[in-house]
């Protein structure tokens, strides 16, 4: 399943020298509810910033992938 989301925050950290990230995101229809997902930093698209629109690949309620939303045209 895919879900549109907006990146509300990014927190980077390392464990044993390996970079990881927590992303905070909201559904565009409900910006008041913030969700979070944790993953390795190399699984995120390059240049991801707060405010970016993204497409989340979900397996159940778990974020399995983050992709930048492509511009139409």
PDB file of N, CA and C in Angstrom:
ATOM      1  N   UNK A   1       0.842  -1.177   0.000  1.00  0.00           N
ATOM      2  CA  UNK A   1       0.000   0.000   0.000  1.00  0.00           C
ATOM      3  C   UNK A   1       0.893   1.248   0.000  1.00  0.00           C
ATOM      4  N   UNK A   2       0.461   2.273  -0.683  1.00  0.00           N
ATOM      5  CA  UNK A   2       1.206   3.525  -0.688  1.00  0.00           C
ATOM      6  C   UNK A   2       0.358   4.625  -0.067  1.00  0.00           C
ATOM      7  N   UNK A   3       1.044   5.557   0.594  1.00  0.00           N
ATOM      8  CA  UNK A   3       0.365   6.640   1.302  1.00  0.00           C
ATOM      9  C   UNK A   3       1.131   7.936   1.073  1.00  0.00           C
ATOM     10  N   UNK A   4       0.412   8.997   0.742  1.00  0.00           N
ATOM     11  CA  UNK A   4       1.034  10.313   0.630  1.00  0.00           C
ATOM     12  C   UNK A   4       1.258  10.871   2.028  1.00  0.00           C
ATOM     13  N   UNK A   5       2.376  11.544   2.237  1.00  0.00           N
ATOM     14  CA  UNK A   5       2.699  12.110   3.548  1.00  0.00           C
ATOM     15  C   UNK A   5       3.561  13.350   3.372  1.00  0.00           C
ATOM     16  N   UNK A   6       3.668  14.116   4.444  1.00  0.00           N
ATOM     17  CA  UNK A   6       4.522  15.301   4.489  1.00  0.00           C
ATOM     18  C   UNK A   6       5.526  15.099   5.610  1.00  0.00           C
ATOM     19  N   UNK A   7       6.797  15.321   5.319  1.00  0.00           N
ATOM     20  CA  UNK A   7       7.847  15.171   6.331  1.00  0.00           C
ATOM     21  C   UNK A   7       7.766  16.350   7.289  1.00  0.00           C
ATOM     22  N   UNK A   8       7.560  16.054   8.563  1.00  0.00           N
ATOM     23  CA  UNK A   8       7.437  17.088   9.598  1.00  0.00           C
ATOM     24  C   UNK A   8       8.714  17.240  10.417  1.00  0.00           C
ATOM     25  N   UNK A   9       9.567  16.240  10.414  1.00  0.00           N
ATOM     26  CA  UNK A   9      10.811  16.318  11.173  1.00  0.00           C
ATOM     27  C   UNK A   9      11.718  15.153  10.824  1.00  0.00           C
ATOM     28  N   UNK A  10      13.013  15.354  11.031  1.00  0.00           N
ATOM     29  CA  UNK A  10      14.013  14.320  10.774  1.00  0.00           C
ATOM     30  C   UNK A  10      15.013  14.352  11.921  1.00  0.00           C
ATOM     31  N   UNK A  11      15.283  13.180  12.517  1.00  0.00           N
ATOM     32  CA  UNK A  11      16.281  13.095  13.585  1.00  0.00           C
ATOM     33  C   UNK A  11      17.276  12.004  13.209  1.00  0.00           C
ATOM     34  N   UNK A  12      18.520  12.395  13.033  1.00  0.00           N
ATOM     35  CA  UNK A  12      19.576  11.454  12.661  1.00  0.00           C
ATOM     36  C   UNK A  12      20.334  11.022  13.913  1.00  0.00           C
ATOM     37  N   UNK A  13      20.772   9.766  13.915  1.00  0.00           N
ATOM     38  CA  UNK A  13      21.569   9.243  15.023  1.00  0.00           C
ATOM     39  C   UNK A  13      22.398   8.072  14.498  1.00  0.00           C
ATOM     40  N   UNK A  14      23.355   7.636  15.281  1.00  0.00           N
ATOM     41  CA  UNK A  14      24.181   6.500  14.888  1.00  0.00           C
ATOM     42  C   UNK A  14      24.150   5.430  15.974  1.00  0.00           C
ATOM     43  N   UNK A  15      24.258   4.189  15.533  1.00  0.00           N
ATOM     44  CA  UNK A  15      24.411   3.051  16.426  1.00  0.00           C
ATOM     45  C   UNK A  15      25.615   2.272  15.931  1.00  0.00           C
ATOM     46  N   UNK A  16      26.644   2.175  16.767  1.00  0.00           N
ATOM     47  CA  UNK A  16      27.884   1.483  16.401  1.00  0.00           C
ATOM     48  C   UNK A  16      28.439   1.988  15.070  1.00  0.00           C
ATOM     49  N   UNK A  17      28.358   3.293  14.861  1.00  0.00           N
ATOM     50  CA  UNK A  17      28.911   3.919  13.663  1.00  0.00           C
ATOM     51  C   UNK A  17      28.032   3.866  12.431  1.00  0.00           C
ATOM     52  N   UNK A  18      26.876   3.228  12.520  1.00  0.00           N
ATOM     53  CA  UNK A  18      25.959   3.134  11.378  1.00  0.00           C
ATOM     54  C   UNK A  18      24.889   4.217  11.487  1.00  0.00           C
ATOM     55  N   UNK A  19      24.648   4.991  10.406  1.00  0.00           N
ATOM     56  CA  UNK A  19      23.660   6.076  10.463  1.00  0.00           C
ATOM     57  C   UNK A  19      22.217   5.571  10.328  1.00  0.00           C
ATOM     58  N   UNK A  20      21.382   6.062  11.217  1.00  0.00           N
ATOM     59  CA  UNK A  20      19.951   5.771  11.198  1.00  0.00           C
ATOM     60  C   UNK A  20      19.195   7.089  11.276  1.00  0.00           C
ATOM     61  N   UNK A  21      17.897   7.018  11.025  1.00  0.00           N
ATOM     62  CA  UNK A  21      17.082   8.218  11.043  1.00  0.00           C
ATOM     63  C   UNK A  21      15.683   7.884  11.546  1.00  0.00           C
ATOM     64  N   UNK A  22      15.118   8.827  12.275  1.00  0.00           N
ATOM     65  CA  UNK A  22      13.702   8.785  12.615  1.00  0.00           C
ATOM     66  C   UNK A  22      13.056   9.886  11.796  1.00  0.00           C
ATOM     67  N   UNK A  23      12.045   9.526  11.011  1.00  0.00           N
ATOM     68  CA  UNK A  23      11.300  10.564  10.296  1.00  0.00           C
ATOM     69  C   UNK A  23       9.963  10.734  10.989  1.00  0.00           C
ATOM     70  N   UNK A  24       9.541  11.968  11.086  1.00  0.00           N
ATOM     71  CA  UNK A  24       8.231  12.311  11.627  1.00  0.00           C
ATOM     72  C   UNK A  24       7.413  12.797  10.444  1.00  0.00           C
ATOM     73  N   UNK A  25       6.233  12.248  10.278  1.00  0.00           N
ATOM     74  CA  UNK A  25       5.431  12.590   9.102  1.00  0.00           C
ATOM     75  C   UNK A  25       3.961  12.718   9.467  1.00  0.00           C
ATOM     76  N   UNK A  26       3.251  13.436   8.622  1.00  0.00           N
ATOM     77  CA  UNK A  26       1.804  13.577   8.777  1.00  0.00           C
ATOM     78  C   UNK A  26       1.136  13.254   7.458  1.00  0.00           C
ATOM     79  N   UNK A  27      -0.107  12.905   7.565  1.00  0.00           N
ATOM     80  CA  UNK A  27      -0.963  12.710   6.406  1.00  0.00           C
ATOM     81  C   UNK A  27      -1.390  14.113   5.977  1.00  0.00           C
ATOM     82  N   UNK A  28      -1.391  14.402   4.706  1.00  0.00           N
ATOM     83  CA  UNK A  28      -1.770  15.728   4.244  1.00  0.00           C
ATOM     84  C   UNK A  28      -3.153  16.165   4.696  1.00  0.00           C
ATOM     85  N   UNK A  29      -4.060  15.201   4.938  1.00  0.00           N
ATOM     86  CA  UNK A  29      -5.419  15.522   5.369  1.00  0.00           C
ATOM     87  C   UNK A  29      -5.496  15.815   6.862  1.00  0.00           C
ATOM     88  N   UNK A  30      -4.501  15.369   7.632  1.00  0.00           N
ATOM     89  CA  UNK A  30      -4.497  15.548   9.083  1.00  0.00           C
ATOM     90  C   UNK A  30      -3.093  15.928   9.549  1.00  0.00           C
ATOM     91  N   UNK A  31      -2.748  17.196   9.419  1.00  0.00           N
ATOM     92  CA  UNK A  31      -1.399  17.656   9.773  1.00  0.00           C
ATOM     93  C   UNK A  31      -1.185  17.724  11.279  1.00  0.00           C
ATOM     94  N   UNK A  32      -2.244  17.570  12.070  1.00  0.00           N
ATOM     95  CA  UNK A  32      -2.127  17.641  13.526  1.00  0.00           C
ATOM     96  C   UNK A  32      -1.608  16.336  14.131  1.00  0.00           C
ATOM     97  N   UNK A  33      -1.806  15.220  13.458  1.00  0.00           N
ATOM     98  CA  UNK A  33      -1.360  13.924  13.960  1.00  0.00           C
ATOM     99  C   UNK A  33      -0.013  13.585  13.343  1.00  0.00           C
ATOM    100  N   UNK A  34       0.987  13.427  14.186  1.00  0.00           N
ATOM    101  CA  UNK A  34       2.345  13.136  13.721  1.00  0.00           C
ATOM    102  C   UNK A  34       2.655  11.665  13.989  1.00  0.00           C
ATOM    103  N   UNK A  35       3.157  10.986  12.965  1.00  0.00           N
ATOM    104  CA  UNK A  35       3.577   9.585  13.058  1.00  0.00           C
ATOM    105  C   UNK A  35       5.090   9.548  12.942  1.00  0.00           C
ATOM    106  N   UNK A  36       5.697   8.420  13.288  1.00  0.00           N
ATOM    107  CA  UNK A  36       7.139   8.300  13.136  1.00  0.00           C
ATOM    108  C   UNK A  36       7.514   6.948  12.567  1.00  0.00           C
ATOM    109  N   UNK A  37       8.680   6.910  11.925  1.00  0.00           N
ATOM    110  CA  UNK A  37       9.232   5.675  11.384  1.00  0.00           C
ATOM    111  C   UNK A  37      10.739   5.726  11.563  1.00  0.00           C
ATOM    112  N   UNK A  38      11.340   4.592  11.864  1.00  0.00           N
ATOM    113  CA  UNK A  38      12.789   4.500  12.031  1.00  0.00           C
ATOM    114  C   UNK A  38      13.344   3.594  10.945  1.00  0.00           C
ATOM    115  N   UNK A  39      14.477   3.997  10.354  1.00  0.00           N
ATOM    116  CA  UNK A  39      15.115   3.197   9.308  1.00  0.00           C
ATOM    117  C   UNK A  39      16.560   3.623   9.128  1.00  0.00           C
ATOM    118  N   UNK A  40      17.304   2.843   8.359  1.00  0.00           N
ATOM    119  CA  UNK A  40      18.680   3.236   8.077  1.00  0.00           C
ATOM    120  C   UNK A  40      18.667   4.456   7.160  1.00  0.00           C
ATOM    121  N   UNK A  41      19.649   5.330   7.347  1.00  0.00           N
ATOM    122  CA  UNK A  41      19.664   6.585   6.595  1.00  0.00           C
ATOM    123  C   UNK A  41      19.802   6.349   5.089  1.00  0.00           C
ATOM    124  N   UNK A  42      20.494   5.283   4.692  1.00  0.00           N
ATOM    125  CA  UNK A  42      20.676   5.043   3.259  1.00  0.00           C
ATOM    126  C   UNK A  42      19.396   4.584   2.559  1.00  0.00           C
ATOM    127  N   UNK A  43      18.331   4.324   3.318  1.00  0.00           N
ATOM    128  CA  UNK A  43      17.064   3.937   2.692  1.00  0.00           C
ATOM    129  C   UNK A  43      16.194   5.146   2.338  1.00  0.00           C
ATOM    130  N   UNK A  44      16.648   6.344   2.700  1.00  0.00           N
ATOM    131  CA  UNK A  44      15.891   7.561   2.384  1.00  0.00           C
ATOM    132  C   UNK A  44      16.373   8.169   1.077  1.00  0.00           C
ATOM    133  N   UNK A  45      15.502   8.893   0.379  1.00  0.00           N
ATOM    134  CA  UNK A  45      15.949   9.581  -0.838  1.00  0.00           C
ATOM    135  C   UNK A  45      16.932  10.701  -0.495  1.00  0.00           C
ATOM    136  N   UNK A  46      17.888  10.928  -1.362  1.00  0.00           N
ATOM    137  CA  UNK A  46      18.891  11.974  -1.153  1.00  0.00           C
ATOM    138  C   UNK A  46      18.222  13.339  -1.073  1.00  0.00           C
ATOM    139  N   UNK A  47      18.681  14.165  -0.153  1.00  0.00           N
ATOM    140  CA  UNK A  47      18.200  15.533  -0.050  1.00  0.00           C
ATOM    141  C   UNK A  47      16.827  15.682   0.600  1.00  0.00           C
ATOM    142  N   UNK A  48      16.363  14.660   1.298  1.00  0.00           N
ATOM    143  CA  UNK A  48      15.062  14.734   1.950  1.00  0.00           C
ATOM    144  C   UNK A  48      15.076  15.828   3.010  1.00  0.00           C
ATOM    145  N   UNK A  49      14.053  16.680   3.004  1.00  0.00           N
ATOM    146  CA  UNK A  49      13.978  17.820   3.934  1.00  0.00           C
ATOM    147  C   UNK A  49      12.603  17.918   4.569  1.00  0.00           C
ATOM    148  N   UNK A  50      12.557  18.587   5.701  1.00  0.00           N
ATOM    149  CA  UNK A  50      11.286  18.876   6.355  1.00  0.00           C
ATOM    150  C   UNK A  50      10.420  19.682   5.383  1.00  0.00           C
ATOM    151  N   UNK A  51       9.162  19.299   5.287  1.00  0.00           N
ATOM    152  CA  UNK A  51       8.232  19.969   4.377  1.00  0.00           C
ATOM    153  C   UNK A  51       8.057  19.260   3.050  1.00  0.00           C
ATOM    154  N   UNK A  52       8.960  18.306   2.740  1.00  0.00           N
ATOM    155  CA  UNK A  52       8.837  17.574   1.477  1.00  0.00           C
ATOM    156  C   UNK A  52       7.604  16.685   1.471  1.00  0.00           C
ATOM    157  N   UNK A  53       6.966  16.592   0.316  1.00  0.00           N
ATOM    158  CA  UNK A  53       5.888  15.626   0.106  1.00  0.00           C
ATOM    159  C   UNK A  53       6.526  14.326  -0.344  1.00  0.00           C
ATOM    160  N   UNK A  54       6.099  13.223   0.253  1.00  0.00           N
ATOM    161  CA  UNK A  54       6.673  11.925  -0.063  1.00  0.00           C
ATOM    162  C   UNK A  54       5.573  10.897  -0.237  1.00  0.00           C
ATOM    163  N   UNK A  55       5.961   9.773  -0.811  1.00  0.00           N
ATOM    164  CA  UNK A  55       5.100   8.605  -0.898  1.00  0.00           C
ATOM    165  C   UNK A  55       5.721   7.547  -0.002  1.00  0.00           C
ATOM    166  N   UNK A  56       4.948   7.052   0.964  1.00  0.00           N
ATOM    167  CA  UNK A  56       5.406   6.006   1.862  1.00  0.00           C
ATOM    168  C   UNK A  56       4.890   4.666   1.347  1.00  0.00           C
ATOM    169  N   UNK A  57       5.765   3.678   1.298  1.00  0.00           N
ATOM    170  CA  UNK A  57       5.345   2.315   1.020  1.00  0.00           C
ATOM    171  C   UNK A  57       5.115   1.657   2.370  1.00  0.00           C
ATOM    172  N   UNK A  58       3.900   1.194   2.585  1.00  0.00           N
ATOM    173  CA  UNK A  58       3.508   0.643   3.877  1.00  0.00           C
ATOM    174  C   UNK A  58       3.277  -0.863   3.760  1.00  0.00           C
ATOM    175  N   UNK A  59       3.707  -1.591   4.789  1.00  0.00           N
ATOM    176  CA  UNK A  59       3.347  -2.997   4.949  1.00  0.00           C
ATOM    177  C   UNK A  59       2.602  -3.049   6.274  1.00  0.00           C
ATOM    178  N   UNK A  60       1.300  -3.161   6.189  1.00  0.00           N
ATOM    179  CA  UNK A  60       0.471  -3.014   7.383  1.00  0.00           C
ATOM    180  C   UNK A  60       0.592  -1.584   7.872  1.00  0.00           C
ATOM    181  N   UNK A  61       1.043  -1.415   9.106  1.00  0.00           N
ATOM    182  CA  UNK A  61       1.228  -0.063   9.643  1.00  0.00           C
ATOM    183  C   UNK A  61       2.707   0.319   9.727  1.00  0.00           C
ATOM    184  N   UNK A  62       3.579  -0.460   9.079  1.00  0.00           N
ATOM    185  CA  UNK A  62       5.024  -0.225   9.114  1.00  0.00           C
ATOM    186  C   UNK A  62       5.487   0.433   7.820  1.00  0.00           C
ATOM    187  N   UNK A  63       6.285   1.487   7.951  1.00  0.00           N
ATOM    188  CA  UNK A  63       6.855   2.149   6.771  1.00  0.00           C
ATOM    189  C   UNK A  63       8.008   1.303   6.258  1.00  0.00           C
ATOM    190  N   UNK A  64       7.879   0.818   5.027  1.00  0.00           N
ATOM    191  CA  UNK A  64       8.905  -0.026   4.413  1.00  0.00           C
ATOM    192  C   UNK A  64       9.754   0.750   3.405  1.00  0.00           C
ATOM    193  N   UNK A  65       9.302   1.944   2.991  1.00  0.00           N
ATOM    194  CA  UNK A  65      10.054   2.732   2.029  1.00  0.00           C
ATOM    195  C   UNK A  65       9.547   4.156   1.984  1.00  0.00           C
ATOM    196  N   UNK A  66      10.450   5.062   1.640  1.00  0.00           N
ATOM    197  CA  UNK A  66      10.119   6.489   1.496  1.00  0.00           C
ATOM    198  C   UNK A  66      10.636   6.933   0.141  1.00  0.00           C
ATOM    199  N   UNK A  67       9.765   7.561  -0.642  1.00  0.00           N
ATOM    200  CA  UNK A  67      10.129   8.036  -1.977  1.00  0.00           C
ATOM    201  C   UNK A  67       9.618   9.451  -2.141  1.00  0.00           C
ATOM    202  N   UNK A  68      10.415  10.298  -2.778  1.00  0.00           N
ATOM    203  CA  UNK A  68       9.956  11.659  -3.036  1.00  0.00           C
ATOM    204  C   UNK A  68       8.803  11.603  -4.029  1.00  0.00           C
ATOM    205  N   UNK A  69       7.813  12.450  -3.777  1.00  0.00           N
ATOM    206  CA  UNK A  69       6.649  12.534  -4.666  1.00  0.00           C
ATOM    207  C   UNK A  69       7.115  13.141  -5.979  1.00  0.00           C
ATOM    208  N   UNK A  70       6.746  12.524  -7.064  1.00  0.00           N
ATOM    209  CA  UNK A  70       7.157  13.045  -8.374  1.00  0.00           C
ATOM    210  C   UNK A  70       6.223  14.138  -8.825  1.00  0.00           C
ATOM    211  N   UNK A  71       6.816  15.182  -9.398  1.00  0.00           N
ATOM    212  CA  UNK A  71       6.009  16.287  -9.935  1.00  0.00           C
ATOM    213  C   UNK A  71       5.297  15.829 -11.183  1.00  0.00           C
ATOM    214  N   UNK A  72       4.066  16.256 -11.347  1.00  0.00           N
ATOM    215  CA  UNK A  72       3.319  15.913 -12.553  1.00  0.00           C
ATOM    216  C   UNK A  72       3.816  16.751 -13.716  1.00  0.00           C
ATOM    217  N   UNK A  73       3.766  16.149 -14.901  1.00  0.00           N
ATOM    218  CA  UNK A  73       4.141  16.929 -16.066  1.00  0.00           C
ATOM    219  C   UNK A  73       5.023  16.256 -16.967  1.00  0.00           C
TER     220      UNK A  73
END
